[in-house]
Amino acid sequence: MGKNWACHQGAREASGDLLLFTDADTWHGPDLLGRAIAALDEDRADCVSLAGRQLMETFWERLVQPHVFTAMLARFPRLRQPLPPTRWRGAIANGQYILIRREVYDELGGHEALKGEVVEDMRMAQRLVRRGKRLSIRMAEDAFT
């Protein structure tokens, strides 16, 4: 799994207390990182994942994507509400934007522990919650209120 390997390599080189994993095909406003760090503290979270606004430019994206997002919101209606460890299977994160405290990332085994996973963002979220860590998911519309 190339993304997991790349994230593992990047984390090994990074020296900060926070790690941000983001996709190359995303665009971040100039104040997004500062706001995400503030959200991490505000939510007393170990990890914040942001579900951003999706640009749907093609016919197929406009046809399919709304159904995907509707299904996700139906399955996970209370994204900001912390899950107890017993409900770890219900944890999700958006791999496009995961901001995590370095000590927690290392404690979870980082992306090395996810090396065989295709849906690594969900598995990371599940590992976080299962170990009693606090995960906060914010939608673009209410991400930083």
C-alpha atoms as a PDB file:
ATOM      1  CA  MET A   1       0.000   0.000   0.000  1.00  0.00           C
ATOM      2  CA  GLY A   2       1.870   3.015  -1.323  1.00  0.00           C
ATOM      3  CA  LYS A   3       0.076   5.713   0.654  1.00  0.00           C
ATOM      4  CA  ASN A   4       0.661   3.945   3.959  1.00  0.00           C
ATOM      5  CA  TRP A   5       4.351   3.494   3.153  1.00  0.00           C
ATOM      6  CA  ALA A   6       4.708   7.158   2.151  1.00  0.00           C
ATOM      7  CA  CYS A   7       2.938   8.350   5.311  1.00  0.00           C
ATOM      8  CA  HIS A   8       5.158   6.089   7.418  1.00  0.00           C
ATOM      9  CA  GLN A   9       8.289   7.497   5.766  1.00  0.00           C
ATOM     10  CA  GLY A  10       7.108  11.085   6.224  1.00  0.00           C
ATOM     11  CA  ALA A  11       6.275  10.535   9.893  1.00  0.00           C
ATOM     12  CA  ARG A  12       9.739   9.066  10.476  1.00  0.00           C
ATOM     13  CA  GLU A  13      11.321  12.256   9.116  1.00  0.00           C
ATOM     14  CA  ALA A  14       8.969  14.696  10.873  1.00  0.00           C
ATOM     15  CA  SER A  15      10.055  16.190  14.178  1.00  0.00           C
ATOM     16  CA  GLY A  16       6.970  18.061  15.403  1.00  0.00           C
ATOM     17  CA  ASP A  17       4.464  17.280  18.129  1.00  0.00           C
ATOM     18  CA  LEU A  18       1.641  17.219  15.566  1.00  0.00           C
ATOM     19  CA  LEU A  19       1.441  15.319  12.294  1.00  0.00           C
ATOM     20  CA  LEU A  20      -0.833  16.272   9.401  1.00  0.00           C
ATOM     21  CA  PHE A  21      -1.670  13.651   6.802  1.00  0.00           C
ATOM     22  CA  THR A  22      -3.366  15.086   3.741  1.00  0.00           C
ATOM     23  CA  ASP A  23      -3.941  14.112   0.138  1.00  0.00           C
ATOM     24  CA  ALA A  24      -2.036  15.799  -2.673  1.00  0.00           C
ATOM     25  CA  ASP A  25      -5.234  16.528  -4.585  1.00  0.00           C
ATOM     26  CA  THR A  26      -6.734  18.723  -1.844  1.00  0.00           C
ATOM     27  CA  TRP A  27      -6.638  22.496  -1.472  1.00  0.00           C
ATOM     28  CA  HIS A  28      -6.270  24.136   1.950  1.00  0.00           C
ATOM     29  CA  GLY A  29      -7.033  27.744   2.738  1.00  0.00           C
ATOM     30  CA  PRO A  30      -4.249  29.747   4.409  1.00  0.00           C
ATOM     31  CA  ASP A  31      -5.803  29.593   7.873  1.00  0.00           C
ATOM     32  CA  LEU A  32      -6.923  25.945   7.821  1.00  0.00           C
ATOM     33  CA  LEU A  33      -3.981  24.469   9.730  1.00  0.00           C
ATOM     34  CA  GLY A  34      -4.200  27.053  12.503  1.00  0.00           C
ATOM     35  CA  ARG A  35      -7.924  26.442  12.816  1.00  0.00           C
ATOM     36  CA  ALA A  36      -7.435  22.675  12.869  1.00  0.00           C
ATOM     37  CA  ILE A  37      -4.882  22.996  15.669  1.00  0.00           C
ATOM     38  CA  ALA A  38      -7.326  25.196  17.597  1.00  0.00           C
ATOM     39  CA  ALA A  39     -10.045  22.564  17.042  1.00  0.00           C
ATOM     40  CA  LEU A  40      -7.730  19.863  18.374  1.00  0.00           C
ATOM     41  CA  ASP A  41      -7.360  21.848  21.600  1.00  0.00           C
ATOM     42  CA  GLU A  42     -10.999  23.001  21.733  1.00  0.00           C
ATOM     43  CA  ASP A  43     -12.289  19.430  21.399  1.00  0.00           C
ATOM     44  CA  ARG A  44      -9.594  18.094  23.744  1.00  0.00           C
ATOM     45  CA  ALA A  45      -8.936  15.604  20.980  1.00  0.00           C
ATOM     46  CA  ASP A  46      -6.025  13.369  20.145  1.00  0.00           C
ATOM     47  CA  CYS A  47      -6.899  13.565  16.469  1.00  0.00           C
ATOM     48  CA  VAL A  48      -9.014  15.851  14.269  1.00  0.00           C
ATOM     49  CA  SER A  49     -10.165  14.833  10.817  1.00  0.00           C
ATOM     50  CA  LEU A  50     -11.794  17.322   8.495  1.00  0.00           C
ATOM     51  CA  ALA A  51     -14.384  16.371   5.900  1.00  0.00           C
ATOM     52  CA  GLY A  52     -14.069  19.221   3.432  1.00  0.00           C
ATOM     53  CA  ARG A  53     -16.260  20.509   0.661  1.00  0.00           C
ATOM     54  CA  GLN A  54     -16.108  18.307  -2.411  1.00  0.00           C
ATOM     55  CA  LEU A  55     -15.882  19.897  -5.842  1.00  0.00           C
ATOM     56  CA  MET A  56     -17.992  17.870  -8.228  1.00  0.00           C
ATOM     57  CA  GLU A  57     -17.102  18.923 -11.733  1.00  0.00           C
ATOM     58  CA  THR A  58     -18.072  15.974 -13.921  1.00  0.00           C
ATOM     59  CA  PHE A  59     -21.495  14.521 -14.603  1.00  0.00           C
ATOM     60  CA  TRP A  60     -20.584  11.270 -12.814  1.00  0.00           C
ATOM     61  CA  GLU A  61     -19.243  13.068  -9.751  1.00  0.00           C
ATOM     62  CA  ARG A  62     -22.467  15.089  -9.494  1.00  0.00           C
ATOM     63  CA  LEU A  63     -24.487  11.901  -9.923  1.00  0.00           C
ATOM     64  CA  VAL A  64     -22.626   9.591  -7.520  1.00  0.00           C
ATOM     65  CA  GLN A  65     -20.958  11.709  -4.833  1.00  0.00           C
ATOM     66  CA  PRO A  66     -24.139  13.119  -3.189  1.00  0.00           C
ATOM     67  CA  HIS A  67     -25.380   9.564  -2.653  1.00  0.00           C
ATOM     68  CA  VAL A  68     -22.073   8.537  -1.075  1.00  0.00           C
ATOM     69  CA  PHE A  69     -22.120  11.496   1.324  1.00  0.00           C
ATOM     70  CA  THR A  70     -25.782  10.959   2.195  1.00  0.00           C
ATOM     71  CA  ALA A  71     -25.107   7.297   2.981  1.00  0.00           C
ATOM     72  CA  MET A  72     -22.129   8.250   5.165  1.00  0.00           C
ATOM     73  CA  LEU A  73     -24.130  10.827   7.110  1.00  0.00           C
ATOM     74  CA  ALA A  74     -26.938   8.322   7.600  1.00  0.00           C
ATOM     75  CA  ARG A  75     -24.447   5.736   8.886  1.00  0.00           C
ATOM     76  CA  PHE A  76     -22.486   8.233  11.044  1.00  0.00           C
ATOM     77  CA  PRO A  77     -24.969  10.950  12.106  1.00  0.00           C
ATOM     78  CA  ARG A  78     -23.036  12.281  15.133  1.00  0.00           C
ATOM     79  CA  LEU A  79     -19.508  12.754  13.852  1.00  0.00           C
ATOM     80  CA  ARG A  80     -18.381  15.235  16.515  1.00  0.00           C
ATOM     81  CA  GLN A  81     -19.700  13.164  19.392  1.00  0.00           C
ATOM     82  CA  PRO A  82     -16.818  11.120  20.866  1.00  0.00           C
ATOM     83  CA  LEU A  83     -17.270   7.380  20.707  1.00  0.00           C
ATOM     84  CA  PRO A  84     -16.561   5.167  23.698  1.00  0.00           C
ATOM     85  CA  PRO A  85     -13.977   2.403  23.145  1.00  0.00           C
ATOM     86  CA  THR A  86     -16.760  -0.201  23.042  1.00  0.00           C
ATOM     87  CA  ARG A  87     -18.091   1.439  19.834  1.00  0.00           C
ATOM     88  CA  TRP A  88     -14.749   1.511  18.023  1.00  0.00           C
ATOM     89  CA  ARG A  89     -16.194  -0.204  14.936  1.00  0.00           C
ATOM     90  CA  GLY A  90     -18.268   2.924  14.279  1.00  0.00           C
ATOM     91  CA  ALA A  91     -15.241   5.222  14.033  1.00  0.00           C
ATOM     92  CA  ILE A  92     -14.298   6.864  10.749  1.00  0.00           C
ATOM     93  CA  ALA A  93     -11.907   9.568   9.578  1.00  0.00           C
ATOM     94  CA  ASN A  94     -11.276  11.338   6.301  1.00  0.00           C
ATOM     95  CA  GLY A  95      -7.847  10.456   4.927  1.00  0.00           C
ATOM     96  CA  GLN A  96      -7.789  13.763   3.060  1.00  0.00           C
ATOM     97  CA  TYR A  97      -7.094  15.566   6.358  1.00  0.00           C
ATOM     98  CA  ILE A  98      -5.957  13.879   9.554  1.00  0.00           C
ATOM     99  CA  LEU A  99      -4.213  15.969  12.208  1.00  0.00           C
ATOM    100  CA  ILE A 100      -2.918  13.793  15.043  1.00  0.00           C
ATOM    101  CA  ARG A 101      -0.748  14.256  18.085  1.00  0.00           C
ATOM    102  CA  ARG A 102       2.629  12.643  17.471  1.00  0.00           C
ATOM    103  CA  GLU A 103       2.694  10.735  20.779  1.00  0.00           C
ATOM    104  CA  VAL A 104      -0.685   9.154  19.997  1.00  0.00           C
ATOM    105  CA  TYR A 105       0.341   8.311  16.427  1.00  0.00           C
ATOM    106  CA  ASP A 106       3.457   6.570  17.716  1.00  0.00           C
ATOM    107  CA  GLU A 107       1.515   4.784  20.459  1.00  0.00           C
ATOM    108  CA  LEU A 108      -0.877   3.394  17.818  1.00  0.00           C
ATOM    109  CA  GLY A 109       2.009   2.107  15.710  1.00  0.00           C
ATOM    110  CA  GLY A 110       1.532   4.785  13.055  1.00  0.00           C
ATOM    111  CA  HIS A 111       1.072   3.840   9.422  1.00  0.00           C
ATOM    112  CA  GLU A 112       3.406   0.881   9.928  1.00  0.00           C
ATOM    113  CA  ALA A 113       0.540  -0.775  11.814  1.00  0.00           C
ATOM    114  CA  LEU A 114      -1.732  -0.035   8.827  1.00  0.00           C
ATOM    115  CA  LYS A 115       0.605  -1.256   6.091  1.00  0.00           C
ATOM    116  CA  GLY A 116      -1.824  -3.833   4.703  1.00  0.00           C
ATOM    117  CA  GLU A 117      -4.934  -1.660   4.915  1.00  0.00           C
ATOM    118  CA  VAL A 118      -6.687  -0.198   1.885  1.00  0.00           C
ATOM    119  CA  VAL A 119      -9.000   2.019   3.962  1.00  0.00           C
ATOM    120  CA  GLU A 120      -6.272   3.213   6.292  1.00  0.00           C
ATOM    121  CA  ASP A 121      -8.141   6.309   7.474  1.00  0.00           C
ATOM    122  CA  MET A 122     -11.003   4.255   8.884  1.00  0.00           C
ATOM    123  CA  ARG A 123      -8.604   1.756  10.473  1.00  0.00           C
ATOM    124  CA  MET A 124      -6.620   4.576  12.095  1.00  0.00           C
ATOM    125  CA  ALA A 125      -9.869   6.018  13.496  1.00  0.00           C
ATOM    126  CA  GLN A 126     -10.892   2.618  14.817  1.00  0.00           C
ATOM    127  CA  ARG A 127      -7.495   2.056  16.457  1.00  0.00           C
ATOM    128  CA  LEU A 128      -7.741   5.484  18.101  1.00  0.00           C
ATOM    129  CA  VAL A 129     -11.186   4.908  19.543  1.00  0.00           C
ATOM    130  CA  ARG A 130     -10.526   1.309  20.550  1.00  0.00           C
ATOM    131  CA  ARG A 131      -7.587   2.495  22.655  1.00  0.00           C
ATOM    132  CA  GLY A 132      -9.680   5.154  24.365  1.00  0.00           C
ATOM    133  CA  LYS A 133      -8.327   8.135  22.433  1.00  0.00           C
ATOM    134  CA  ARG A 134     -10.506  11.096  21.512  1.00  0.00           C
ATOM    135  CA  LEU A 135     -11.289  11.560  17.808  1.00  0.00           C
ATOM    136  CA  SER A 136     -13.067  14.648  16.495  1.00  0.00           C
ATOM    137  CA  ILE A 137     -14.552  14.811  12.999  1.00  0.00           C
ATOM    138  CA  ARG A 138     -15.581  18.178  11.654  1.00  0.00           C
ATOM    139  CA  MET A 139     -17.542  18.917   8.513  1.00  0.00           C
ATOM    140  CA  ALA A 140     -16.558  21.858   6.318  1.00  0.00           C
ATOM    141  CA  GLU A 141     -19.780  23.761   7.023  1.00  0.00           C
ATOM    142  CA  ASP A 142     -19.362  23.658  10.806  1.00  0.00           C
ATOM    143  CA  ALA A 143     -15.667  22.875  10.945  1.00  0.00           C
ATOM    144  CA  PHE A 144     -14.608  25.927  12.845  1.00  0.00           C
ATOM    145  CA  THR A 145     -17.480  27.667  14.562  1.00  0.00           C
END
